[in-house]
Every structure is written in C-alpha cells, then in structure tokens.
Amino acid sequence: MSKIKKIGILTSGGDCGGLNAAIRSIFFRAKTKYNMDVYGIRDGTIGLAKRPPDVQKLTRNIFKGYLLRQGGTFLGSNNKDNPFKFQKKGKTIDTSKLIIEGYKSLNLDGLIIIGGDGSMRILKKLAMKGKMNIVAIPKTIDNDVGATENSIGFHTAIDVATQALDNLQSTAASHRRSMILEVMGRDAGHIALNAGIAGGADVILIPEIKYSIKGIINKLNEMKENQIQHSLIIVAEAVKKENGLKVIQKYINDEKKIGRDRRIYSF
C-alpha cells in the first residue's frame, strides 16, 4: 500500500442510493490512512476517453454538507455504450484504447470502479487489455452480482418498494381491490422477495420460482373465504409467462408472423 500514491474512482451504470457515500468513504480512507491522492473520473469511462481526461481531484471540502445524503452520483455515470462497441455517427468503433491511454496519462496506480455486472465485465476486459489495476465495488439495486451478499443500492430499493406496498395497502383495503406492484429486477427477484416479505404482500412473483395463474387465483379465493377482500401482489420485472417466455417475447413472435420490424421494441 505504501507504493500506491494516486488512485481514481468512477461510477458506471445506472445510479442508485449510496454511491456518494461510497465515494466519500473511499476518499477518507485513502487520504487519512494512506495519504493517497484521489481523483474522481466524471461520467464513467467516458471521462477517461476525453482529452484531456475529465477528472476532478477530490478534497475534504467536496464532502461537507449534504453530499453524503444526496442520491445519485456527483461524478456522473454512463450506462449507454460499450467502449468496445461504441456507436458514433452510425458507426461502431472501439474506444477502449482511448480509455486505457487516459488511465495511463493520469499516472494512476489503480482505479476503483463502482458498478453492476455489466460495468464489471467491461472494466475487467479493459483492465486485462491495458494492464490496469482495478478494484471493483458491486453496485446494483437488483443485487445480482455474483459472489456478493449485498450490493450498494439494494437496501435502498427494498425500502422504497416496501414503502410503496405500505401506501397501496390502504387503497386496496378501501376499495376491496387487488393491487399489483411491479419492481425492478432484470434477471433476479431479490427486490420483490425482500420487499414483499417486509411489506406483507400476499403474492410474490419472482423469476427464480415458477408460478401459475390458477395458483394465484386459488390464493385470492382462499383469502376471500376468510373475509379478506383485498390483496397486495408484488412482481419482479423479470417474471416470465407461465410458458417460460418473456412477456415482450410474445409480441415479438406475433410481429414476426405479420412481418413487422422488431426494432420498435425496447430491451
């Protein structure tokens, strides 16, 4: 550690709660314990691709006030483009060399990346190609990064989803309705499962466990037999149809039959 004098930090992918707090913790530990110079890289890897690289030297003054409690990331982020397949003026180009050169031009001893599974795959590839020293901190509300117990942003997402269920409950009871809450979770049902348990959902649908419409109906009818006329249902966005197809896949298949352009769909 005594040989490391200068490090960079970047946030990549979607924003979430806790990013500014993580940057703050890294800075104070690096500066106070090891007397390192810490540089924040703006807008993820885009900051390294710019000339000169778009960086900000971090100081104690930056972290005074409410930044610790501020959502998002003050460094900015990017979740649109893969630097190995960067889209520019309708063409696909490889900007990885620019990023690696940017890293080396700053004379960094290492780079801390805060990102999700996609960002980590890209940064790992960049690190191997450019012989960059990186440390990765998992960040995603979906909590779907391998070998990770709890990623940054996950608990905030659970709190928000649980509060949403709490708010829906009174309306469901007043009108004797079944209220359905869809939550994020591109490939995993961690938010739906944890928020559903915390918020007292009557039905929790996650992609890891198969379900049937008949089973849901039986559950709701059982509640009615016990004089419970309302219910809460929470669904992870990754939940598929009973036949295993994604919901949007049905529409794609239908459009193919009539020859329409599948590019109108968003993934």
C-alpha atoms as a PDB file:
ATOM      1  CA  MET A   1       0.000   0.000   0.000  1.00  0.00           C
ATOM      2  CA  SER A   2       2.918   2.369   0.664  1.00  0.00           C
ATOM      3  CA  LYS A   3       3.777   2.321  -3.066  1.00  0.00           C
ATOM      4  CA  ILE A   4       0.294   3.417  -4.103  1.00  0.00           C
ATOM      5  CA  LYS A   5       0.082   7.211  -4.144  1.00  0.00           C
ATOM      6  CA  LYS A   6      -2.586   8.087  -6.695  1.00  0.00           C
ATOM      7  CA  ILE A   7      -5.907   6.375  -7.405  1.00  0.00           C
ATOM      8  CA  GLY A   8      -9.018   7.107  -9.419  1.00  0.00           C
ATOM      9  CA  ILE A   9     -12.710   6.442  -8.738  1.00  0.00           C
ATOM     10  CA  LEU A  10     -15.514   6.147 -11.253  1.00  0.00           C
ATOM     11  CA  THR A  11     -19.177   5.174 -11.096  1.00  0.00           C
ATOM     12  CA  SER A  12     -20.612   3.256 -14.015  1.00  0.00           C
ATOM     13  CA  GLY A  13     -24.057   2.012 -14.989  1.00  0.00           C
ATOM     14  CA  GLY A  14     -27.367   3.133 -13.513  1.00  0.00           C
ATOM     15  CA  ASP A  15     -27.433   5.315 -10.432  1.00  0.00           C
ATOM     16  CA  CYS A  16     -28.724   4.199  -7.060  1.00  0.00           C
ATOM     17  CA  GLY A  17     -28.692   5.137  -3.402  1.00  0.00           C
ATOM     18  CA  GLY A  18     -25.356   5.061  -1.578  1.00  0.00           C
ATOM     19  CA  LEU A  19     -22.957   5.989  -4.377  1.00  0.00           C
ATOM     20  CA  ASN A  20     -21.884   9.334  -2.928  1.00  0.00           C
ATOM     21  CA  ALA A  21     -21.493   7.733   0.481  1.00  0.00           C
ATOM     22  CA  ALA A  22     -19.250   5.058  -1.041  1.00  0.00           C
ATOM     23  CA  ILE A  23     -17.094   7.648  -2.836  1.00  0.00           C
ATOM     24  CA  ARG A  24     -16.805   9.607   0.409  1.00  0.00           C
ATOM     25  CA  SER A  25     -15.725   6.517   2.366  1.00  0.00           C
ATOM     26  CA  ILE A  26     -13.096   5.612  -0.230  1.00  0.00           C
ATOM     27  CA  PHE A  27     -11.678   9.132  -0.225  1.00  0.00           C
ATOM     28  CA  PHE A  28     -11.378   9.498   3.540  1.00  0.00           C
ATOM     29  CA  ARG A  29      -9.842   6.051   3.991  1.00  0.00           C
ATOM     30  CA  ALA A  30      -7.356   6.546   1.167  1.00  0.00           C
ATOM     31  CA  LYS A  31      -6.421  10.068   2.271  1.00  0.00           C
ATOM     32  CA  THR A  32      -6.429   9.706   6.043  1.00  0.00           C
ATOM     33  CA  LYS A  33      -4.959   6.224   6.351  1.00  0.00           C
ATOM     34  CA  TYR A  34      -2.594   6.083   3.348  1.00  0.00           C
ATOM     35  CA  ASN A  35      -2.182   9.741   2.284  1.00  0.00           C
ATOM     36  CA  MET A  36      -3.171   8.965  -1.303  1.00  0.00           C
ATOM     37  CA  ASP A  37      -4.287  11.489  -3.891  1.00  0.00           C
ATOM     38  CA  VAL A  38      -7.760  10.550  -5.091  1.00  0.00           C
ATOM     39  CA  TYR A  39      -9.250  11.621  -8.418  1.00  0.00           C
ATOM     40  CA  GLY A  40     -12.888  11.319  -9.390  1.00  0.00           C
ATOM     41  CA  ILE A  41     -13.486  10.456 -13.050  1.00  0.00           C
ATOM     42  CA  ARG A  42     -16.618  12.021 -14.497  1.00  0.00           C
ATOM     43  CA  ASP A  43     -19.279  10.084 -16.411  1.00  0.00           C
ATOM     44  CA  GLY A  44     -17.708   6.666 -16.032  1.00  0.00           C
ATOM     45  CA  THR A  45     -15.268   5.521 -18.701  1.00  0.00           C
ATOM     46  CA  ILE A  46     -16.297   8.478 -20.891  1.00  0.00           C
ATOM     47  CA  GLY A  47     -14.219  10.700 -18.621  1.00  0.00           C
ATOM     48  CA  LEU A  48     -11.108   8.648 -19.386  1.00  0.00           C
ATOM     49  CA  ALA A  49     -11.782   8.739 -23.121  1.00  0.00           C
ATOM     50  CA  LYS A  50     -11.840  12.545 -23.256  1.00  0.00           C
ATOM     51  CA  ARG A  51      -8.741  14.636 -23.964  1.00  0.00           C
ATOM     52  CA  PRO A  52      -7.634  15.747 -21.518  1.00  0.00           C
ATOM     53  CA  PRO A  53      -9.336  13.175 -19.277  1.00  0.00           C
ATOM     54  CA  ASP A  54     -12.295  14.682 -17.432  1.00  0.00           C
ATOM     55  CA  VAL A  55     -11.247  14.248 -13.808  1.00  0.00           C
ATOM     56  CA  GLN A  56     -11.605  16.084 -10.513  1.00  0.00           C
ATOM     57  CA  LYS A  57      -9.155  15.934  -7.632  1.00  0.00           C
ATOM     58  CA  LEU A  58     -11.161  15.082  -4.538  1.00  0.00           C
ATOM     59  CA  THR A  59     -10.731  17.142  -1.376  1.00  0.00           C
ATOM     60  CA  ARG A  60     -12.334  17.234   2.046  1.00  0.00           C
ATOM     61  CA  ASN A  61     -14.316  20.343   1.112  1.00  0.00           C
ATOM     62  CA  ILE A  62     -16.229  18.392  -1.542  1.00  0.00           C
ATOM     63  CA  PHE A  63     -17.762  16.124   1.073  1.00  0.00           C
ATOM     64  CA  LYS A  64     -19.002  18.711   3.532  1.00  0.00           C
ATOM     65  CA  GLY A  65     -22.695  19.456   3.671  1.00  0.00           C
ATOM     66  CA  TYR A  66     -25.373  17.135   2.343  1.00  0.00           C
ATOM     67  CA  LEU A  67     -23.448  15.155  -0.268  1.00  0.00           C
ATOM     68  CA  LEU A  68     -23.434  12.079   1.983  1.00  0.00           C
ATOM     69  CA  ARG A  69     -27.252  12.011   1.839  1.00  0.00           C
ATOM     70  CA  GLN A  70     -27.606  13.069  -1.776  1.00  0.00           C
ATOM     71  CA  GLY A  71     -28.886  10.469  -4.213  1.00  0.00           C
ATOM     72  CA  GLY A  72     -27.214   9.524  -7.470  1.00  0.00           C
ATOM     73  CA  THR A  73     -23.518  10.176  -8.042  1.00  0.00           C
ATOM     74  CA  PHE A  74     -21.948  13.621  -8.174  1.00  0.00           C
ATOM     75  CA  LEU A  75     -19.266  12.233 -10.503  1.00  0.00           C
ATOM     76  CA  GLY A  76     -21.869  11.296 -13.089  1.00  0.00           C
ATOM     77  CA  SER A  77     -22.282   7.894 -14.728  1.00  0.00           C
ATOM     78  CA  ASN A  78     -22.840   6.231 -18.088  1.00  0.00           C
ATOM     79  CA  ASN A  79     -24.874   3.149 -18.948  1.00  0.00           C
ATOM     80  CA  LYS A  80     -25.439   3.562 -22.675  1.00  0.00           C
ATOM     81  CA  ASP A  81     -22.384   2.396 -24.561  1.00  0.00           C
ATOM     82  CA  ASN A  82     -19.888  -0.442 -24.518  1.00  0.00           C
ATOM     83  CA  PRO A  83     -16.468   1.138 -25.252  1.00  0.00           C
ATOM     84  CA  PHE A  84     -15.536  -1.895 -27.348  1.00  0.00           C
ATOM     85  CA  LYS A  85     -18.631  -1.282 -29.495  1.00  0.00           C
ATOM     86  CA  PHE A  86     -19.145   2.458 -29.203  1.00  0.00           C
ATOM     87  CA  GLN A  87     -21.759   3.953 -31.523  1.00  0.00           C
ATOM     88  CA  LYS A  88     -20.705   7.187 -33.233  1.00  0.00           C
ATOM     89  CA  LYS A  89     -22.440   8.733 -36.218  1.00  0.00           C
ATOM     90  CA  GLY A  90     -23.989   5.419 -37.153  1.00  0.00           C
ATOM     91  CA  LYS A  91     -20.696   3.540 -36.990  1.00  0.00           C
ATOM     92  CA  THR A  92     -19.384   1.073 -34.417  1.00  0.00           C
ATOM     93  CA  ILE A  93     -15.887   1.897 -33.163  1.00  0.00           C
ATOM     94  CA  ASP A  94     -13.578   0.605 -30.436  1.00  0.00           C
ATOM     95  CA  THR A  95     -12.739   3.345 -27.915  1.00  0.00           C
ATOM     96  CA  SER A  96     -11.032   1.042 -25.423  1.00  0.00           C
ATOM     97  CA  LYS A  97      -7.582   2.302 -26.442  1.00  0.00           C
ATOM     98  CA  LEU A  98      -8.599   5.879 -25.607  1.00  0.00           C
ATOM     99  CA  ILE A  99      -9.756   4.828 -22.138  1.00  0.00           C
ATOM    100  CA  ILE A 100      -6.572   2.890 -21.418  1.00  0.00           C
ATOM    101  CA  GLU A 101      -4.418   5.777 -22.635  1.00  0.00           C
ATOM    102  CA  GLY A 102      -6.437   8.161 -20.465  1.00  0.00           C
ATOM    103  CA  TYR A 103      -5.845   5.990 -17.424  1.00  0.00           C
ATOM    104  CA  LYS A 104      -2.105   5.848 -18.068  1.00  0.00           C
ATOM    105  CA  SER A 105      -1.822   9.576 -18.826  1.00  0.00           C
ATOM    106  CA  LEU A 106      -3.063  10.314 -15.307  1.00  0.00           C
ATOM    107  CA  ASN A 107      -0.296   8.132 -13.845  1.00  0.00           C
ATOM    108  CA  LEU A 108      -2.794   6.308 -11.679  1.00  0.00           C
ATOM    109  CA  ASP A 109      -1.582   3.459  -9.510  1.00  0.00           C
ATOM    110  CA  GLY A 110      -5.061   1.971  -9.507  1.00  0.00           C
ATOM    111  CA  LEU A 111      -8.705   2.549 -10.327  1.00  0.00           C
ATOM    112  CA  ILE A 112     -11.729   1.816  -8.127  1.00  0.00           C
ATOM    113  CA  ILE A 113     -14.889   1.149 -10.119  1.00  0.00           C
ATOM    114  CA  ILE A 114     -18.356   1.158  -8.599  1.00  0.00           C
ATOM    115  CA  GLY A 115     -20.698  -0.628 -10.973  1.00  0.00           C
ATOM    116  CA  GLY A 116     -23.011  -3.517 -11.719  1.00  0.00           C
ATOM    117  CA  ASP A 117     -22.424  -6.799 -13.523  1.00  0.00           C
ATOM    118  CA  GLY A 118     -22.294  -5.232 -16.992  1.00  0.00           C
ATOM    119  CA  SER A 119     -19.874  -2.492 -15.955  1.00  0.00           C
ATOM    120  CA  MET A 120     -17.658  -5.004 -14.216  1.00  0.00           C
ATOM    121  CA  ARG A 121     -17.430  -7.225 -17.278  1.00  0.00           C
ATOM    122  CA  ILE A 122     -16.406  -4.258 -19.403  1.00  0.00           C
ATOM    123  CA  LEU A 123     -13.894  -2.874 -16.876  1.00  0.00           C
ATOM    124  CA  LYS A 124     -12.369  -6.315 -16.363  1.00  0.00           C
ATOM    125  CA  LYS A 125     -11.830  -6.606 -20.116  1.00  0.00           C
ATOM    126  CA  LEU A 126     -10.324  -3.107 -20.203  1.00  0.00           C
ATOM    127  CA  ALA A 127      -8.041  -3.900 -17.263  1.00  0.00           C
ATOM    128  CA  MET A 128      -6.755  -7.066 -18.889  1.00  0.00           C
ATOM    129  CA  LYS A 129      -6.163  -5.335 -22.223  1.00  0.00           C
ATOM    130  CA  GLY A 130      -4.442  -2.281 -20.748  1.00  0.00           C
ATOM    131  CA  LYS A 131      -2.828  -3.906 -17.699  1.00  0.00           C
ATOM    132  CA  MET A 132      -4.775  -1.564 -15.446  1.00  0.00           C
ATOM    133  CA  ASN A 133      -5.002  -2.138 -11.683  1.00  0.00           C
ATOM    134  CA  ILE A 134      -8.648  -2.126 -10.674  1.00  0.00           C
ATOM    135  CA  VAL A 135     -10.738  -2.808  -7.585  1.00  0.00           C
ATOM    136  CA  ALA A 136     -14.456  -3.379  -8.181  1.00  0.00           C
ATOM    137  CA  ILE A 137     -17.241  -2.499  -5.734  1.00  0.00           C
ATOM    138  CA  PRO A 138     -20.597  -4.099  -6.657  1.00  0.00           C
ATOM    139  CA  LYS A 139     -23.410  -1.619  -7.159  1.00  0.00           C
ATOM    140  CA  THR A 140     -26.873  -2.552  -8.376  1.00  0.00           C
ATOM    141  CA  ILE A 141     -30.331  -2.397  -6.845  1.00  0.00           C
ATOM    142  CA  ASP A 142     -31.028  -5.847  -8.350  1.00  0.00           C
ATOM    143  CA  ASN A 143     -28.318  -7.393  -6.133  1.00  0.00           C
ATOM    144  CA  ASP A 144     -27.426  -9.771  -8.972  1.00  0.00           C
ATOM    145  CA  VAL A 145     -23.616  -9.550  -8.944  1.00  0.00           C
ATOM    146  CA  GLY A 146     -22.018 -12.951  -8.320  1.00  0.00           C
ATOM    147  CA  ALA A 147     -20.209 -13.665  -5.044  1.00  0.00           C
ATOM    148  CA  THR A 148     -21.897 -10.633  -3.466  1.00  0.00           C
ATOM    149  CA  GLU A 149     -24.130 -10.687  -0.406  1.00  0.00           C
ATOM    150  CA  ASN A 150     -25.479  -7.133  -0.599  1.00  0.00           C
ATOM    151  CA  SER A 151     -24.596  -4.623  -3.297  1.00  0.00           C
ATOM    152  CA  ILE A 152     -24.737  -0.838  -2.940  1.00  0.00           C
ATOM    153  CA  GLY A 153     -28.266   0.391  -3.635  1.00  0.00           C
ATOM    154  CA  PHE A 154     -30.056  -2.858  -2.815  1.00  0.00           C
ATOM    155  CA  HIS A 155     -31.312  -1.928   0.646  1.00  0.00           C
ATOM    156  CA  THR A 156     -32.475   1.489  -0.552  1.00  0.00           C
ATOM    157  CA  ALA A 157     -34.504  -0.204  -3.282  1.00  0.00           C
ATOM    158  CA  ILE A 158     -36.093  -2.541  -0.741  1.00  0.00           C
ATOM    159  CA  ASP A 159     -37.027   0.409   1.481  1.00  0.00           C
ATOM    160  CA  VAL A 160     -38.667   2.257  -1.420  1.00  0.00           C
ATOM    161  CA  ALA A 161     -40.569  -0.817  -2.644  1.00  0.00           C
ATOM    162  CA  THR A 162     -41.725  -1.636   0.893  1.00  0.00           C
ATOM    163  CA  GLN A 163     -42.981   1.922   1.334  1.00  0.00           C
ATOM    164  CA  ALA A 164     -44.868   1.604  -1.957  1.00  0.00           C
ATOM    165  CA  LEU A 165     -46.615  -1.518  -0.648  1.00  0.00           C
ATOM    166  CA  ASP A 166     -47.463   0.309   2.578  1.00  0.00           C
ATOM    167  CA  ASN A 167     -49.028   3.131   0.567  1.00  0.00           C
ATOM    168  CA  LEU A 168     -51.013   0.741  -1.620  1.00  0.00           C
ATOM    169  CA  GLN A 169     -52.416  -1.250   1.273  1.00  0.00           C
ATOM    170  CA  SER A 170     -54.900   1.354   2.493  1.00  0.00           C
ATOM    171  CA  THR A 171     -56.229   1.974  -1.020  1.00  0.00           C
ATOM    172  CA  ALA A 172     -56.561  -1.749  -1.656  1.00  0.00           C
ATOM    173  CA  ALA A 173     -58.483  -2.170   1.608  1.00  0.00           C
ATOM    174  CA  SER A 174     -60.726   0.860   0.989  1.00  0.00           C
ATOM    175  CA  HIS A 175     -61.803  -0.318  -2.456  1.00  0.00           C
ATOM    176  CA  ARG A 176     -61.513  -4.071  -1.857  1.00  0.00           C
ATOM    177  CA  ARG A 177     -59.088  -4.419  -4.721  1.00  0.00           C
ATOM    178  CA  SER A 178     -56.037  -6.464  -5.593  1.00  0.00           C
ATOM    179  CA  MET A 179     -53.173  -4.008  -6.063  1.00  0.00           C
ATOM    180  CA  ILE A 180     -50.185  -5.086  -8.171  1.00  0.00           C
ATOM    181  CA  LEU A 181     -46.738  -3.532  -7.725  1.00  0.00           C
ATOM    182  CA  GLU A 182     -44.031  -4.219 -10.310  1.00  0.00           C
ATOM    183  CA  VAL A 183     -40.465  -3.675  -9.154  1.00  0.00           C
ATOM    184  CA  MET A 184     -37.117  -3.775 -10.912  1.00  0.00           C
ATOM    185  CA  GLY A 185     -35.045  -6.907 -11.146  1.00  0.00           C
ATOM    186  CA  ARG A 186     -33.838  -7.554 -14.688  1.00  0.00           C
ATOM    187  CA  ASP A 187     -32.649 -11.101 -14.007  1.00  0.00           C
ATOM    188  CA  ALA A 188     -33.322 -11.631 -10.308  1.00  0.00           C
ATOM    189  CA  GLY A 189     -36.199 -11.369  -7.846  1.00  0.00           C
ATOM    190  CA  HIS A 190     -34.329 -10.142  -4.763  1.00  0.00           C
ATOM    191  CA  ILE A 191     -36.151  -6.795  -4.516  1.00  0.00           C
ATOM    192  CA  ALA A 192     -39.594  -8.357  -4.965  1.00  0.00           C
ATOM    193  CA  LEU A 193     -38.883 -11.124  -2.463  1.00  0.00           C
ATOM    194  CA  ASN A 194     -37.429  -8.942   0.289  1.00  0.00           C
ATOM    195  CA  ALA A 195     -39.875  -6.049  -0.136  1.00  0.00           C
ATOM    196  CA  GLY A 196     -42.765  -8.481  -0.456  1.00  0.00           C
ATOM    197  CA  ILE A 197     -41.942 -10.119   2.855  1.00  0.00           C
ATOM    198  CA  ALA A 198     -41.311  -6.787   4.595  1.00  0.00           C
ATOM    199  CA  GLY A 199     -44.446  -5.191   3.144  1.00  0.00           C
ATOM    200  CA  GLY A 200     -46.751  -8.135   3.761  1.00  0.00           C
ATOM    201  CA  ALA A 201     -47.518  -8.941   0.127  1.00  0.00           C
ATOM    202  CA  ASP A 202     -49.991 -11.780  -0.313  1.00  0.00           C
ATOM    203  CA  VAL A 203     -48.449 -12.950  -3.603  1.00  0.00           C
ATOM    204  CA  ILE A 204     -44.789 -12.595  -4.579  1.00  0.00           C
ATOM    205  CA  LEU A 205     -43.755 -13.457  -8.136  1.00  0.00           C
ATOM    206  CA  ILE A 206     -40.042 -13.844  -8.890  1.00  0.00           C
ATOM    207  CA  PRO A 207     -38.269 -15.342 -11.920  1.00  0.00           C
ATOM    208  CA  GLU A 208     -36.489 -17.977  -9.829  1.00  0.00           C
ATOM    209  CA  ILE A 209     -39.742 -19.769  -8.930  1.00  0.00           C
ATOM    210  CA  LYS A 210     -42.409 -20.949 -11.380  1.00  0.00           C
ATOM    211  CA  TYR A 211     -45.993 -19.851 -10.837  1.00  0.00           C
ATOM    212  CA  SER A 212     -49.435 -20.397 -12.303  1.00  0.00           C
ATOM    213  CA  ILE A 213     -52.378 -18.065 -12.737  1.00  0.00           C
ATOM    214  CA  LYS A 214     -54.554 -20.789 -11.245  1.00  0.00           C
ATOM    215  CA  GLY A 215     -52.375 -20.859  -8.129  1.00  0.00           C
ATOM    216  CA  ILE A 216     -52.702 -17.082  -7.720  1.00  0.00           C
ATOM    217  CA  ILE A 217     -56.495 -17.280  -8.137  1.00  0.00           C
ATOM    218  CA  ASN A 218     -56.704 -20.057  -5.563  1.00  0.00           C
ATOM    219  CA  LYS A 219     -54.735 -17.915  -3.099  1.00  0.00           C
ATOM    220  CA  LEU A 220     -57.018 -14.898  -3.594  1.00  0.00           C
ATOM    221  CA  ASN A 221     -60.160 -17.029  -3.304  1.00  0.00           C
ATOM    222  CA  GLU A 222     -58.820 -18.539  -0.096  1.00  0.00           C
ATOM    223  CA  MET A 223     -58.362 -15.027   1.309  1.00  0.00           C
ATOM    224  CA  LYS A 224     -61.933 -14.107   0.372  1.00  0.00           C
ATOM    225  CA  GLU A 225     -63.231 -17.196   2.161  1.00  0.00           C
ATOM    226  CA  ASN A 226     -61.529 -15.804   5.255  1.00  0.00           C
ATOM    227  CA  GLN A 227     -63.259 -12.434   4.785  1.00  0.00           C
ATOM    228  CA  ILE A 228     -60.156 -10.709   3.393  1.00  0.00           C
ATOM    229  CA  GLN A 229     -61.444  -8.721   0.451  1.00  0.00           C
ATOM    230  CA  HIS A 230     -58.210  -7.042  -0.669  1.00  0.00           C
ATOM    231  CA  SER A 231     -54.686  -8.162  -1.513  1.00  0.00           C
ATOM    232  CA  LEU A 232     -51.208  -6.965  -2.440  1.00  0.00           C
ATOM    233  CA  ILE A 233     -49.226  -8.591  -5.248  1.00  0.00           C
ATOM    234  CA  ILE A 234     -45.596  -7.756  -5.986  1.00  0.00           C
ATOM    235  CA  VAL A 235     -43.974  -8.803  -9.265  1.00  0.00           C
ATOM    236  CA  ALA A 236     -40.325  -8.668 -10.343  1.00  0.00           C
ATOM    237  CA  GLU A 237     -39.880  -7.267 -13.857  1.00  0.00           C
ATOM    238  CA  ALA A 238     -38.037 -10.439 -14.922  1.00  0.00           C
ATOM    239  CA  VAL A 239     -41.035 -12.692 -14.260  1.00  0.00           C
ATOM    240  CA  LYS A 240     -41.956 -14.635 -17.379  1.00  0.00           C
ATOM    241  CA  LYS A 241     -45.235 -16.013 -18.635  1.00  0.00           C
ATOM    242  CA  GLU A 242     -46.343 -19.433 -17.456  1.00  0.00           C
ATOM    243  CA  ASN A 243     -44.863 -20.997 -20.602  1.00  0.00           C
ATOM    244  CA  GLY A 244     -41.429 -19.568 -19.804  1.00  0.00           C
ATOM    245  CA  LEU A 245     -41.439 -16.800 -22.448  1.00  0.00           C
ATOM    246  CA  LYS A 246     -40.797 -13.209 -21.524  1.00  0.00           C
ATOM    247  CA  VAL A 247     -43.952 -11.143 -21.836  1.00  0.00           C
ATOM    248  CA  ILE A 248     -42.437  -8.963 -24.577  1.00  0.00           C
ATOM    249  CA  GLN A 249     -41.314 -12.092 -26.462  1.00  0.00           C
ATOM    250  CA  LYS A 250     -44.945 -12.915 -27.219  1.00  0.00           C
ATOM    251  CA  TYR A 251     -45.368  -9.608 -29.020  1.00  0.00           C
ATOM    252  CA  ILE A 252     -42.111 -10.087 -30.920  1.00  0.00           C
ATOM    253  CA  ASN A 253     -43.248 -13.517 -32.099  1.00  0.00           C
ATOM    254  CA  ASP A 254     -46.617 -12.085 -33.145  1.00  0.00           C
ATOM    255  CA  GLU A 255     -44.974  -9.271 -35.065  1.00  0.00           C
ATOM    256  CA  LYS A 256     -42.688 -11.688 -36.885  1.00  0.00           C
ATOM    257  CA  LYS A 257     -45.746 -13.551 -38.173  1.00  0.00           C
ATOM    258  CA  ILE A 258     -47.048 -10.406 -39.843  1.00  0.00           C
ATOM    259  CA  GLY A 259     -43.616  -9.209 -40.968  1.00  0.00           C
ATOM    260  CA  ARG A 260     -43.224  -6.087 -38.843  1.00  0.00           C
ATOM    261  CA  ASP A 261     -39.856  -4.663 -37.816  1.00  0.00           C
ATOM    262  CA  ARG A 262     -38.847  -5.956 -34.374  1.00  0.00           C
ATOM    263  CA  ARG A 263     -36.590  -2.928 -33.818  1.00  0.00           C
ATOM    264  CA  ILE A 264     -39.548  -0.956 -32.478  1.00  0.00           C
ATOM    265  CA  TYR A 265     -39.229  -2.909 -29.248  1.00  0.00           C
ATOM    266  CA  SER A 266     -37.069  -1.843 -26.334  1.00  0.00           C
ATOM    267  CA  PHE A 267     -34.984  -4.270 -24.311  1.00  0.00           C
END
